[in-house]
């Protein structure tokens, strides 16, 4: 099984290898796969890097900003037909599955896709529809904060900590507060900004980011002194620009995970492996006194969920 970080600008695919999480490279050697769909003059559907290159000279023949529009009532006109965001994502998922097959040498039986925590039910259903229409099985969706927490937990599961994760994503900023312990973790609070222009003044952006951190701290009933570690993930360039501002404002020392821009995809891959191994939890099993080796507790804007991996 594979994990997918489905981004508005690019996607990343990961799996679990013998040494742990591995990020897959596409046919062009990059692990960034552009979230672009186009139709060439011969009517051939292009995706990824090939579509991105084609749009440089034929910008009217494709679309490159459809992932964030998933679930919205918008359409695009190119290639002699009308496209919805779901149609575009259907083609993109097919391309991602093919890239994974080329790297692994075999088809992936299913995937887990990481999505923003603020995705509503309609967006999640649209994603399942896009995969189903392309005969791709999505075993589960995982919220990006939970994927990040899983990736951290995988490397350092023995120490109980309260973490704040700063996710400098594509045109967005998310902050999550997590309680991590040996048997799993809990997402205490999450807050984010859907539209962030990282090209504008870092000082202006920082005020909005700081406000998001303050809201997350309040929602978790914690203060900044109760945070043990700050992790920066997402765009390496973005958190390099903002790290010192956070350090100065909160007297923190922000850390980065290795391969920080691949954290979400690798967390999704970890969950994919867990999900495949999870037995069905029945009332008999849950009351038998069995030990839960991993407890994943997360929140979304619309629901609260707990998953157990029982031994």
C-alpha atoms as a PDB file:
ATOM      1  CA  UNK A   1       0.000   0.000   0.000  1.00  0.00           C
ATOM      2  CA  UNK A   2       1.064   3.561  -0.633  1.00  0.00           C
ATOM      3  CA  UNK A   3       0.467   6.908   1.030  1.00  0.00           C
ATOM      4  CA  UNK A   4      -0.283  10.027  -1.010  1.00  0.00           C
ATOM      5  CA  UNK A   5       0.101  13.672  -0.105  1.00  0.00           C
ATOM      6  CA  UNK A   6      -2.423  15.198  -2.515  1.00  0.00           C
ATOM      7  CA  UNK A   7      -1.352  18.825  -2.878  1.00  0.00           C
ATOM      8  CA  UNK A   8      -2.770  21.650  -4.966  1.00  0.00           C
ATOM      9  CA  UNK A   9       0.634  22.321  -6.552  1.00  0.00           C
ATOM     10  CA  UNK A  10       2.190  18.860  -6.410  1.00  0.00           C
ATOM     11  CA  UNK A  11       1.727  15.366  -4.998  1.00  0.00           C
ATOM     12  CA  UNK A  12       4.151  13.067  -3.186  1.00  0.00           C
ATOM     13  CA  UNK A  13       3.906   9.279  -2.921  1.00  0.00           C
ATOM     14  CA  UNK A  14       5.508   7.154  -0.181  1.00  0.00           C
ATOM     15  CA  UNK A  15       5.568   3.554   0.970  1.00  0.00           C
ATOM     16  CA  UNK A  16       7.109   1.554   3.795  1.00  0.00           C
ATOM     17  CA  UNK A  17      10.342  -0.192   2.843  1.00  0.00           C
ATOM     18  CA  UNK A  18      12.603  -2.477   4.833  1.00  0.00           C
ATOM     19  CA  UNK A  19      14.287   0.511   6.488  1.00  0.00           C
ATOM     20  CA  UNK A  20      11.122   2.500   7.095  1.00  0.00           C
ATOM     21  CA  UNK A  21       9.236   5.170   5.115  1.00  0.00           C
ATOM     22  CA  UNK A  22      10.470   5.742   1.565  1.00  0.00           C
ATOM     23  CA  UNK A  23       9.446   8.520  -0.805  1.00  0.00           C
ATOM     24  CA  UNK A  24       8.898   7.285  -4.335  1.00  0.00           C
ATOM     25  CA  UNK A  25      10.446   9.094  -7.272  1.00  0.00           C
ATOM     26  CA  UNK A  26       8.509   9.637 -10.476  1.00  0.00           C
ATOM     27  CA  UNK A  27       9.714   8.716 -13.950  1.00  0.00           C
ATOM     28  CA  UNK A  28      11.552  12.048 -14.196  1.00  0.00           C
ATOM     29  CA  UNK A  29      13.532  11.326 -11.019  1.00  0.00           C
ATOM     30  CA  UNK A  30      11.722  13.858  -8.811  1.00  0.00           C
ATOM     31  CA  UNK A  31       9.517  13.017  -5.862  1.00  0.00           C
ATOM     32  CA  UNK A  32       7.387  16.098  -6.597  1.00  0.00           C
ATOM     33  CA  UNK A  33       4.632  15.213  -9.089  1.00  0.00           C
ATOM     34  CA  UNK A  34       2.853  18.353 -10.366  1.00  0.00           C
ATOM     35  CA  UNK A  35      -0.919  18.395  -9.827  1.00  0.00           C
ATOM     36  CA  UNK A  36      -1.612  19.305 -13.438  1.00  0.00           C
ATOM     37  CA  UNK A  37      -3.889  17.859 -16.119  1.00  0.00           C
ATOM     38  CA  UNK A  38      -3.860  18.823 -19.800  1.00  0.00           C
ATOM     39  CA  UNK A  39      -5.044  17.560 -23.186  1.00  0.00           C
ATOM     40  CA  UNK A  40      -2.638  17.828 -26.134  1.00  0.00           C
ATOM     41  CA  UNK A  41      -3.440  18.532 -29.788  1.00  0.00           C
ATOM     42  CA  UNK A  42      -3.915  14.826 -30.464  1.00  0.00           C
ATOM     43  CA  UNK A  43      -6.530  14.510 -27.722  1.00  0.00           C
ATOM     44  CA  UNK A  44      -4.163  12.672 -25.386  1.00  0.00           C
ATOM     45  CA  UNK A  45      -4.636  13.344 -21.651  1.00  0.00           C
ATOM     46  CA  UNK A  46      -1.410  14.429 -19.956  1.00  0.00           C
ATOM     47  CA  UNK A  47      -0.701  14.527 -16.245  1.00  0.00           C
ATOM     48  CA  UNK A  48       2.087  15.549 -13.924  1.00  0.00           C
ATOM     49  CA  UNK A  49       5.368  16.898 -15.272  1.00  0.00           C
ATOM     50  CA  UNK A  50       4.417  16.275 -18.891  1.00  0.00           C
ATOM     51  CA  UNK A  51       1.197  18.259 -18.499  1.00  0.00           C
ATOM     52  CA  UNK A  52       3.028  21.050 -16.678  1.00  0.00           C
ATOM     53  CA  UNK A  53       5.545  21.375 -19.517  1.00  0.00           C
ATOM     54  CA  UNK A  54       2.797  21.324 -22.148  1.00  0.00           C
ATOM     55  CA  UNK A  55       0.876  24.139 -20.432  1.00  0.00           C
ATOM     56  CA  UNK A  56       3.867  26.459 -20.687  1.00  0.00           C
ATOM     57  CA  UNK A  57       3.090  26.881 -24.393  1.00  0.00           C
ATOM     58  CA  UNK A  58      -0.609  25.936 -24.292  1.00  0.00           C
ATOM     59  CA  UNK A  59      -2.041  27.382 -21.042  1.00  0.00           C
ATOM     60  CA  UNK A  60      -5.602  27.159 -22.356  1.00  0.00           C
ATOM     61  CA  UNK A  61      -5.419  23.371 -22.757  1.00  0.00           C
ATOM     62  CA  UNK A  62      -5.333  22.275 -19.138  1.00  0.00           C
ATOM     63  CA  UNK A  63      -5.729  23.116 -15.466  1.00  0.00           C
ATOM     64  CA  UNK A  64      -3.288  23.360 -12.586  1.00  0.00           C
ATOM     65  CA  UNK A  65      -5.353  24.542  -9.605  1.00  0.00           C
ATOM     66  CA  UNK A  66      -8.115  22.021  -9.143  1.00  0.00           C
ATOM     67  CA  UNK A  67      -7.252  20.119  -5.958  1.00  0.00           C
ATOM     68  CA  UNK A  68      -8.319  22.981  -3.671  1.00  0.00           C
ATOM     69  CA  UNK A  69     -11.553  23.294  -5.671  1.00  0.00           C
ATOM     70  CA  UNK A  70     -12.617  19.721  -4.956  1.00  0.00           C
ATOM     71  CA  UNK A  71     -16.253  19.643  -3.874  1.00  0.00           C
ATOM     72  CA  UNK A  72     -16.956  23.125  -5.234  1.00  0.00           C
ATOM     73  CA  UNK A  73     -19.335  23.876  -8.102  1.00  0.00           C
ATOM     74  CA  UNK A  74     -16.720  24.955 -10.634  1.00  0.00           C
ATOM     75  CA  UNK A  75     -15.877  23.711 -14.120  1.00  0.00           C
ATOM     76  CA  UNK A  76     -13.014  24.076 -16.592  1.00  0.00           C
ATOM     77  CA  UNK A  77     -13.154  24.007 -20.378  1.00  0.00           C
ATOM     78  CA  UNK A  78     -10.251  22.388 -22.242  1.00  0.00           C
ATOM     79  CA  UNK A  79      -9.598  19.498 -24.557  1.00  0.00           C
ATOM     80  CA  UNK A  80     -12.988  19.902 -26.223  1.00  0.00           C
ATOM     81  CA  UNK A  81     -14.972  19.113 -23.080  1.00  0.00           C
ATOM     82  CA  UNK A  82     -15.988  20.401 -19.681  1.00  0.00           C
ATOM     83  CA  UNK A  83     -14.066  19.205 -16.631  1.00  0.00           C
ATOM     84  CA  UNK A  84     -14.909  19.297 -12.938  1.00  0.00           C
ATOM     85  CA  UNK A  85     -12.276  19.182 -10.170  1.00  0.00           C
ATOM     86  CA  UNK A  86     -13.341  15.574  -9.556  1.00  0.00           C
ATOM     87  CA  UNK A  87     -12.669  14.731 -13.217  1.00  0.00           C
ATOM     88  CA  UNK A  88      -9.193  16.258 -12.986  1.00  0.00           C
ATOM     89  CA  UNK A  89      -8.371  14.449  -9.759  1.00  0.00           C
ATOM     90  CA  UNK A  90      -9.556  11.191 -11.310  1.00  0.00           C
ATOM     91  CA  UNK A  91      -6.914  11.559 -14.022  1.00  0.00           C
ATOM     92  CA  UNK A  92      -4.287  12.660 -11.509  1.00  0.00           C
ATOM     93  CA  UNK A  93      -4.912   9.640  -9.264  1.00  0.00           C
ATOM     94  CA  UNK A  94      -4.552   7.336 -12.265  1.00  0.00           C
ATOM     95  CA  UNK A  95      -1.211   8.984 -13.040  1.00  0.00           C
ATOM     96  CA  UNK A  96      -0.048   8.646  -9.428  1.00  0.00           C
ATOM     97  CA  UNK A  97      -0.992   4.965  -9.403  1.00  0.00           C
ATOM     98  CA  UNK A  98       0.999   4.443 -12.610  1.00  0.00           C
ATOM     99  CA  UNK A  99       4.037   6.261 -11.204  1.00  0.00           C
ATOM    100  CA  UNK A 100       3.883   4.084  -8.085  1.00  0.00           C
ATOM    101  CA  UNK A 101       3.669   0.964 -10.249  1.00  0.00           C
ATOM    102  CA  UNK A 102       6.679   2.055 -12.304  1.00  0.00           C
ATOM    103  CA  UNK A 103       8.728   2.582  -9.129  1.00  0.00           C
ATOM    104  CA  UNK A 104       7.604  -0.535  -7.239  1.00  0.00           C
ATOM    105  CA  UNK A 105       7.343  -2.867 -10.214  1.00  0.00           C
ATOM    106  CA  UNK A 106       3.808  -3.881  -9.287  1.00  0.00           C
ATOM    107  CA  UNK A 107       0.331  -2.471  -8.776  1.00  0.00           C
ATOM    108  CA  UNK A 108      -0.546  -1.065  -5.386  1.00  0.00           C
ATOM    109  CA  UNK A 109      -3.566  -2.802  -3.931  1.00  0.00           C
ATOM    110  CA  UNK A 110      -4.830   0.365  -2.232  1.00  0.00           C
ATOM    111  CA  UNK A 111      -3.777   3.752  -0.932  1.00  0.00           C
ATOM    112  CA  UNK A 112      -4.255   6.168   1.933  1.00  0.00           C
ATOM    113  CA  UNK A 113      -4.584   9.829   0.992  1.00  0.00           C
ATOM    114  CA  UNK A 114      -3.733  12.686   3.345  1.00  0.00           C
ATOM    115  CA  UNK A 115      -6.131  15.640   3.190  1.00  0.00           C
ATOM    116  CA  UNK A 116      -6.364  18.954   5.039  1.00  0.00           C
ATOM    117  CA  UNK A 117      -8.181  18.734   8.364  1.00  0.00           C
ATOM    118  CA  UNK A 118     -10.685  21.353   7.181  1.00  0.00           C
ATOM    119  CA  UNK A 119     -11.901  19.186   4.262  1.00  0.00           C
ATOM    120  CA  UNK A 120     -15.666  18.815   4.655  1.00  0.00           C
ATOM    121  CA  UNK A 121     -17.686  15.677   3.998  1.00  0.00           C
ATOM    122  CA  UNK A 122     -18.519  16.695   0.433  1.00  0.00           C
ATOM    123  CA  UNK A 123     -14.852  17.074  -0.468  1.00  0.00           C
ATOM    124  CA  UNK A 124     -14.016  13.713   1.064  1.00  0.00           C
ATOM    125  CA  UNK A 125     -16.859  12.012  -0.833  1.00  0.00           C
ATOM    126  CA  UNK A 126     -15.722  13.637  -4.080  1.00  0.00           C
ATOM    127  CA  UNK A 127     -12.233  12.227  -3.562  1.00  0.00           C
ATOM    128  CA  UNK A 128     -13.614   8.716  -3.050  1.00  0.00           C
ATOM    129  CA  UNK A 129     -15.790   9.166  -6.164  1.00  0.00           C
ATOM    130  CA  UNK A 130     -12.777  10.218  -8.245  1.00  0.00           C
ATOM    131  CA  UNK A 131     -10.871   7.119  -7.170  1.00  0.00           C
ATOM    132  CA  UNK A 132     -13.831   4.763  -7.578  1.00  0.00           C
ATOM    133  CA  UNK A 133     -14.469   5.983 -11.125  1.00  0.00           C
ATOM    134  CA  UNK A 134     -10.875   5.062 -11.939  1.00  0.00           C
ATOM    135  CA  UNK A 135     -10.876   1.669 -10.195  1.00  0.00           C
ATOM    136  CA  UNK A 136      -8.476   2.922  -7.522  1.00  0.00           C
ATOM    137  CA  UNK A 137      -9.143   1.774  -3.981  1.00  0.00           C
ATOM    138  CA  UNK A 138      -8.752   4.323  -1.214  1.00  0.00           C
ATOM    139  CA  UNK A 139      -8.510   2.381   2.019  1.00  0.00           C
ATOM    140  CA  UNK A 140      -8.817   5.509   4.111  1.00  0.00           C
ATOM    141  CA  UNK A 141      -8.260   9.231   4.285  1.00  0.00           C
ATOM    142  CA  UNK A 142      -6.068  10.678   7.005  1.00  0.00           C
ATOM    143  CA  UNK A 143      -5.969  14.293   8.101  1.00  0.00           C
ATOM    144  CA  UNK A 144      -2.622  15.945   7.426  1.00  0.00           C
ATOM    145  CA  UNK A 145      -1.961  16.767  11.134  1.00  0.00           C
ATOM    146  CA  UNK A 146      -2.473  13.093  12.005  1.00  0.00           C
ATOM    147  CA  UNK A 147      -0.121  12.020   9.190  1.00  0.00           C
ATOM    148  CA  UNK A 148       2.543  14.406  10.489  1.00  0.00           C
ATOM    149  CA  UNK A 149       2.109  13.080  14.023  1.00  0.00           C
ATOM    150  CA  UNK A 150       2.399   9.490  12.816  1.00  0.00           C
ATOM    151  CA  UNK A 151       5.646  10.279  11.020  1.00  0.00           C
ATOM    152  CA  UNK A 152       7.099  11.806  14.196  1.00  0.00           C
ATOM    153  CA  UNK A 153       5.796   8.946  16.341  1.00  0.00           C
ATOM    154  CA  UNK A 154       7.419   6.388  14.021  1.00  0.00           C
ATOM    155  CA  UNK A 155      10.902   7.714  14.784  1.00  0.00           C
ATOM    156  CA  UNK A 156      10.459   8.691  18.432  1.00  0.00           C
ATOM    157  CA  UNK A 157       7.706   6.719  20.138  1.00  0.00           C
ATOM    158  CA  UNK A 158       9.350   6.239  23.518  1.00  0.00           C
ATOM    159  CA  UNK A 159       9.136   9.728  24.963  1.00  0.00           C
ATOM    160  CA  UNK A 160       5.944  11.495  26.053  1.00  0.00           C
ATOM    161  CA  UNK A 161       5.837  15.031  24.658  1.00  0.00           C
ATOM    162  CA  UNK A 162       3.475  17.831  23.834  1.00  0.00           C
ATOM    163  CA  UNK A 163       4.249  19.083  20.349  1.00  0.00           C
ATOM    164  CA  UNK A 164       3.240  21.979  18.179  1.00  0.00           C
ATOM    165  CA  UNK A 165       3.509  21.251  14.470  1.00  0.00           C
ATOM    166  CA  UNK A 166       3.799  24.188  12.079  1.00  0.00           C
ATOM    167  CA  UNK A 167       2.878  23.035   8.586  1.00  0.00           C
ATOM    168  CA  UNK A 168       3.967  25.474   5.880  1.00  0.00           C
ATOM    169  CA  UNK A 169       1.929  23.972   3.073  1.00  0.00           C
ATOM    170  CA  UNK A 170       1.046  25.082  -0.432  1.00  0.00           C
ATOM    171  CA  UNK A 171      -0.638  28.480  -0.046  1.00  0.00           C
ATOM    172  CA  UNK A 172      -1.757  27.541   3.449  1.00  0.00           C
ATOM    173  CA  UNK A 173      -0.523  27.366   7.008  1.00  0.00           C
ATOM    174  CA  UNK A 174      -1.716  24.859   9.612  1.00  0.00           C
ATOM    175  CA  UNK A 175      -0.820  24.568  13.275  1.00  0.00           C
ATOM    176  CA  UNK A 176      -1.562  21.451  15.309  1.00  0.00           C
ATOM    177  CA  UNK A 177      -0.951  20.642  18.964  1.00  0.00           C
ATOM    178  CA  UNK A 178      -0.329  16.975  19.716  1.00  0.00           C
ATOM    179  CA  UNK A 179       0.130  14.882  22.819  1.00  0.00           C
ATOM    180  CA  UNK A 180       2.520  12.063  21.882  1.00  0.00           C
ATOM    181  CA  UNK A 181       3.190   9.041  24.080  1.00  0.00           C
ATOM    182  CA  UNK A 182       4.478   5.503  23.754  1.00  0.00           C
ATOM    183  CA  UNK A 183       1.192   3.956  22.691  1.00  0.00           C
ATOM    184  CA  UNK A 184       0.095   6.644  20.289  1.00  0.00           C
ATOM    185  CA  UNK A 185      -0.900  10.272  20.193  1.00  0.00           C
ATOM    186  CA  UNK A 186      -3.832  12.637  20.407  1.00  0.00           C
ATOM    187  CA  UNK A 187      -4.450  15.731  18.324  1.00  0.00           C
ATOM    188  CA  UNK A 188      -5.483  18.302  20.920  1.00  0.00           C
ATOM    189  CA  UNK A 189      -6.178  21.206  18.577  1.00  0.00           C
ATOM    190  CA  UNK A 190      -5.689  22.306  15.012  1.00  0.00           C
ATOM    191  CA  UNK A 191      -6.149  25.627  13.260  1.00  0.00           C
ATOM    192  CA  UNK A 192      -5.086  26.992   9.922  1.00  0.00           C
ATOM    193  CA  UNK A 193      -5.134  29.561   7.164  1.00  0.00           C
ATOM    194  CA  UNK A 194      -6.401  28.430   3.782  1.00  0.00           C
ATOM    195  CA  UNK A 195      -4.877  31.259   1.727  1.00  0.00           C
ATOM    196  CA  UNK A 196      -1.282  32.295   2.448  1.00  0.00           C
ATOM    197  CA  UNK A 197       0.854  34.145  -0.054  1.00  0.00           C
ATOM    198  CA  UNK A 198       4.410  33.236   0.887  1.00  0.00           C
ATOM    199  CA  UNK A 199       5.688  35.775  -1.620  1.00  0.00           C
ATOM    200  CA  UNK A 200       4.419  38.736   0.360  1.00  0.00           C
ATOM    201  CA  UNK A 201       5.979  40.269   3.471  1.00  0.00           C
ATOM    202  CA  UNK A 202       6.858  37.642   6.056  1.00  0.00           C
ATOM    203  CA  UNK A 203       6.017  40.152   8.780  1.00  0.00           C
ATOM    204  CA  UNK A 204       2.426  40.507   7.526  1.00  0.00           C
ATOM    205  CA  UNK A 205       1.950  36.760   7.179  1.00  0.00           C
ATOM    206  CA  UNK A 206       3.474  36.128  10.569  1.00  0.00           C
ATOM    207  CA  UNK A 207       0.794  38.096  12.406  1.00  0.00           C
ATOM    208  CA  UNK A 208      -1.897  35.811  10.966  1.00  0.00           C
ATOM    209  CA  UNK A 209       0.215  32.724  11.700  1.00  0.00           C
ATOM    210  CA  UNK A 210       0.765  33.845  15.283  1.00  0.00           C
ATOM    211  CA  UNK A 211      -2.986  34.341  15.688  1.00  0.00           C
ATOM    212  CA  UNK A 212      -3.541  30.749  14.494  1.00  0.00           C
ATOM    213  CA  UNK A 213      -1.003  29.504  17.063  1.00  0.00           C
ATOM    214  CA  UNK A 214      -2.747  31.466  19.810  1.00  0.00           C
ATOM    215  CA  UNK A 215      -6.123  29.990  18.855  1.00  0.00           C
ATOM    216  CA  UNK A 216      -4.712  26.447  18.815  1.00  0.00           C
ATOM    217  CA  UNK A 217      -3.121  26.972  22.240  1.00  0.00           C
ATOM    218  CA  UNK A 218      -6.399  28.259  23.633  1.00  0.00           C
ATOM    219  CA  UNK A 219      -8.373  25.368  22.127  1.00  0.00           C
ATOM    220  CA  UNK A 220      -5.937  22.873  23.688  1.00  0.00           C
ATOM    221  CA  UNK A 221      -6.102  24.639  27.088  1.00  0.00           C
ATOM    222  CA  UNK A 222      -2.317  24.994  27.039  1.00  0.00           C
ATOM    223  CA  UNK A 223       0.133  27.876  27.042  1.00  0.00           C
ATOM    224  CA  UNK A 224       3.365  28.204  25.079  1.00  0.00           C
ATOM    225  CA  UNK A 225       5.486  27.164  28.077  1.00  0.00           C
ATOM    226  CA  UNK A 226       3.761  23.750  28.102  1.00  0.00           C
ATOM    227  CA  UNK A 227       4.933  22.934  24.572  1.00  0.00           C
ATOM    228  CA  UNK A 228       7.964  20.613  24.616  1.00  0.00           C
ATOM    229  CA  UNK A 229       8.954  20.762  20.944  1.00  0.00           C
ATOM    230  CA  UNK A 230       8.041  22.739  17.846  1.00  0.00           C
ATOM    231  CA  UNK A 231       8.266  20.888  14.535  1.00  0.00           C
ATOM    232  CA  UNK A 232       8.341  22.640  11.164  1.00  0.00           C
ATOM    233  CA  UNK A 233       7.163  20.661   8.132  1.00  0.00           C
ATOM    234  CA  UNK A 234       6.112  21.463   4.581  1.00  0.00           C
ATOM    235  CA  UNK A 235       7.952  23.931   2.385  1.00  0.00           C
ATOM    236  CA  UNK A 236      11.598  24.060   3.435  1.00  0.00           C
ATOM    237  CA  UNK A 237      11.984  27.577   2.009  1.00  0.00           C
ATOM    238  CA  UNK A 238       8.895  28.848   3.830  1.00  0.00           C
ATOM    239  CA  UNK A 239       9.779  27.606   7.297  1.00  0.00           C
ATOM    240  CA  UNK A 240      13.352  28.821   6.817  1.00  0.00           C
ATOM    241  CA  UNK A 241      11.918  32.307   6.296  1.00  0.00           C
ATOM    242  CA  UNK A 242       9.630  32.177   9.340  1.00  0.00           C
ATOM    243  CA  UNK A 243      11.465  30.002  11.853  1.00  0.00           C
ATOM    244  CA  UNK A 244      13.400  32.853  13.484  1.00  0.00           C
ATOM    245  CA  UNK A 245      10.213  34.898  13.875  1.00  0.00           C
ATOM    246  CA  UNK A 246       8.554  32.060  15.789  1.00  0.00           C
ATOM    247  CA  UNK A 247      11.679  31.497  17.861  1.00  0.00           C
ATOM    248  CA  UNK A 248      11.797  35.167  18.876  1.00  0.00           C
ATOM    249  CA  UNK A 249       8.072  35.542  19.517  1.00  0.00           C
ATOM    250  CA  UNK A 250       7.537  32.433  21.638  1.00  0.00           C
ATOM    251  CA  UNK A 251      11.076  31.807  22.911  1.00  0.00           C
ATOM    252  CA  UNK A 252      10.960  28.466  21.116  1.00  0.00           C
ATOM    253  CA  UNK A 253      13.591  26.544  19.218  1.00  0.00           C
ATOM    254  CA  UNK A 254      11.834  25.252  16.128  1.00  0.00           C
ATOM    255  CA  UNK A 255      13.018  21.904  14.851  1.00  0.00           C
ATOM    256  CA  UNK A 256      12.648  20.263  11.488  1.00  0.00           C
ATOM    257  CA  UNK A 257      12.144  16.616  10.644  1.00  0.00           C
ATOM    258  CA  UNK A 258      14.446  15.019   8.114  1.00  0.00           C
ATOM    259  CA  UNK A 259      12.810  15.244   4.682  1.00  0.00           C
ATOM    260  CA  UNK A 260      10.329  17.737   6.131  1.00  0.00           C
ATOM    261  CA  UNK A 261       8.590  18.304   2.800  1.00  0.00           C
ATOM    262  CA  UNK A 262       7.880  14.563   2.561  1.00  0.00           C
ATOM    263  CA  UNK A 263       6.466  14.173   6.084  1.00  0.00           C
ATOM    264  CA  UNK A 264       2.769  14.055   5.166  1.00  0.00           C
ATOM    265  CA  UNK A 265       3.169  11.421   2.437  1.00  0.00           C
ATOM    266  CA  UNK A 266       5.347   9.241   4.667  1.00  0.00           C
ATOM    267  CA  UNK A 267       2.856   9.554   7.528  1.00  0.00           C
ATOM    268  CA  UNK A 268       0.088   8.461   5.164  1.00  0.00           C
ATOM    269  CA  UNK A 269       2.225   5.465   4.136  1.00  0.00           C
ATOM    270  CA  UNK A 270       2.704   4.497   7.783  1.00  0.00           C
ATOM    271  CA  UNK A 271      -1.040   4.662   8.316  1.00  0.00           C
ATOM    272  CA  UNK A 272      -1.606   2.615   5.151  1.00  0.00           C
ATOM    273  CA  UNK A 273       0.529  -0.169   6.616  1.00  0.00           C
ATOM    274  CA  UNK A 274      -1.259   0.102   9.960  1.00  0.00           C
ATOM    275  CA  UNK A 275      -4.654   0.131   8.280  1.00  0.00           C
ATOM    276  CA  UNK A 276      -3.910  -3.070   6.364  1.00  0.00           C
ATOM    277  CA  UNK A 277      -2.979  -4.798   9.628  1.00  0.00           C
ATOM    278  CA  UNK A 278      -5.955  -3.588  11.661  1.00  0.00           C
ATOM    279  CA  UNK A 279      -8.399  -6.334  12.646  1.00  0.00           C
ATOM    280  CA  UNK A 280     -12.080  -5.541  12.786  1.00  0.00           C
ATOM    281  CA  UNK A 281     -12.866  -4.291  16.274  1.00  0.00           C
ATOM    282  CA  UNK A 282     -15.903  -6.000  17.746  1.00  0.00           C
ATOM    283  CA  UNK A 283     -17.554  -5.441  21.096  1.00  0.00           C
ATOM    284  CA  UNK A 284     -16.137  -8.796  22.217  1.00  0.00           C
ATOM    285  CA  UNK A 285     -12.591  -7.859  21.211  1.00  0.00           C
ATOM    286  CA  UNK A 286     -12.787  -4.409  22.725  1.00  0.00           C
ATOM    287  CA  UNK A 287     -13.947  -5.752  26.077  1.00  0.00           C
ATOM    288  CA  UNK A 288     -11.484  -8.629  26.261  1.00  0.00           C
ATOM    289  CA  UNK A 289      -8.776  -6.661  27.999  1.00  0.00           C
ATOM    290  CA  UNK A 290      -6.489  -6.672  24.942  1.00  0.00           C
ATOM    291  CA  UNK A 291      -3.688  -4.133  24.785  1.00  0.00           C
ATOM    292  CA  UNK A 292      -3.879  -1.341  22.215  1.00  0.00           C
ATOM    293  CA  UNK A 293      -0.435  -0.918  20.726  1.00  0.00           C
ATOM    294  CA  UNK A 294      -1.320   2.256  18.863  1.00  0.00           C
ATOM    295  CA  UNK A 295      -4.040   4.734  19.637  1.00  0.00           C
ATOM    296  CA  UNK A 296      -4.655   7.356  16.978  1.00  0.00           C
ATOM    297  CA  UNK A 297      -6.960  10.088  18.145  1.00  0.00           C
ATOM    298  CA  UNK A 298      -7.788  12.922  15.780  1.00  0.00           C
ATOM    299  CA  UNK A 299     -10.236  15.717  15.165  1.00  0.00           C
ATOM    300  CA  UNK A 300     -11.728  17.201  12.028  1.00  0.00           C
ATOM    301  CA  UNK A 301     -14.017  20.144  11.540  1.00  0.00           C
ATOM    302  CA  UNK A 302     -17.053  17.866  11.505  1.00  0.00           C
ATOM    303  CA  UNK A 303     -16.256  14.743  13.459  1.00  0.00           C
ATOM    304  CA  UNK A 304     -14.183  13.106  16.150  1.00  0.00           C
ATOM    305  CA  UNK A 305     -12.647   9.695  15.603  1.00  0.00           C
ATOM    306  CA  UNK A 306     -10.487   7.132  17.345  1.00  0.00           C
ATOM    307  CA  UNK A 307      -8.729   4.220  15.635  1.00  0.00           C
ATOM    308  CA  UNK A 308      -7.189   1.334  17.547  1.00  0.00           C
ATOM    309  CA  UNK A 309      -4.542  -1.089  16.369  1.00  0.00           C
ATOM    310  CA  UNK A 310      -5.058  -4.035  18.681  1.00  0.00           C
ATOM    311  CA  UNK A 311      -2.638  -6.820  19.482  1.00  0.00           C
END
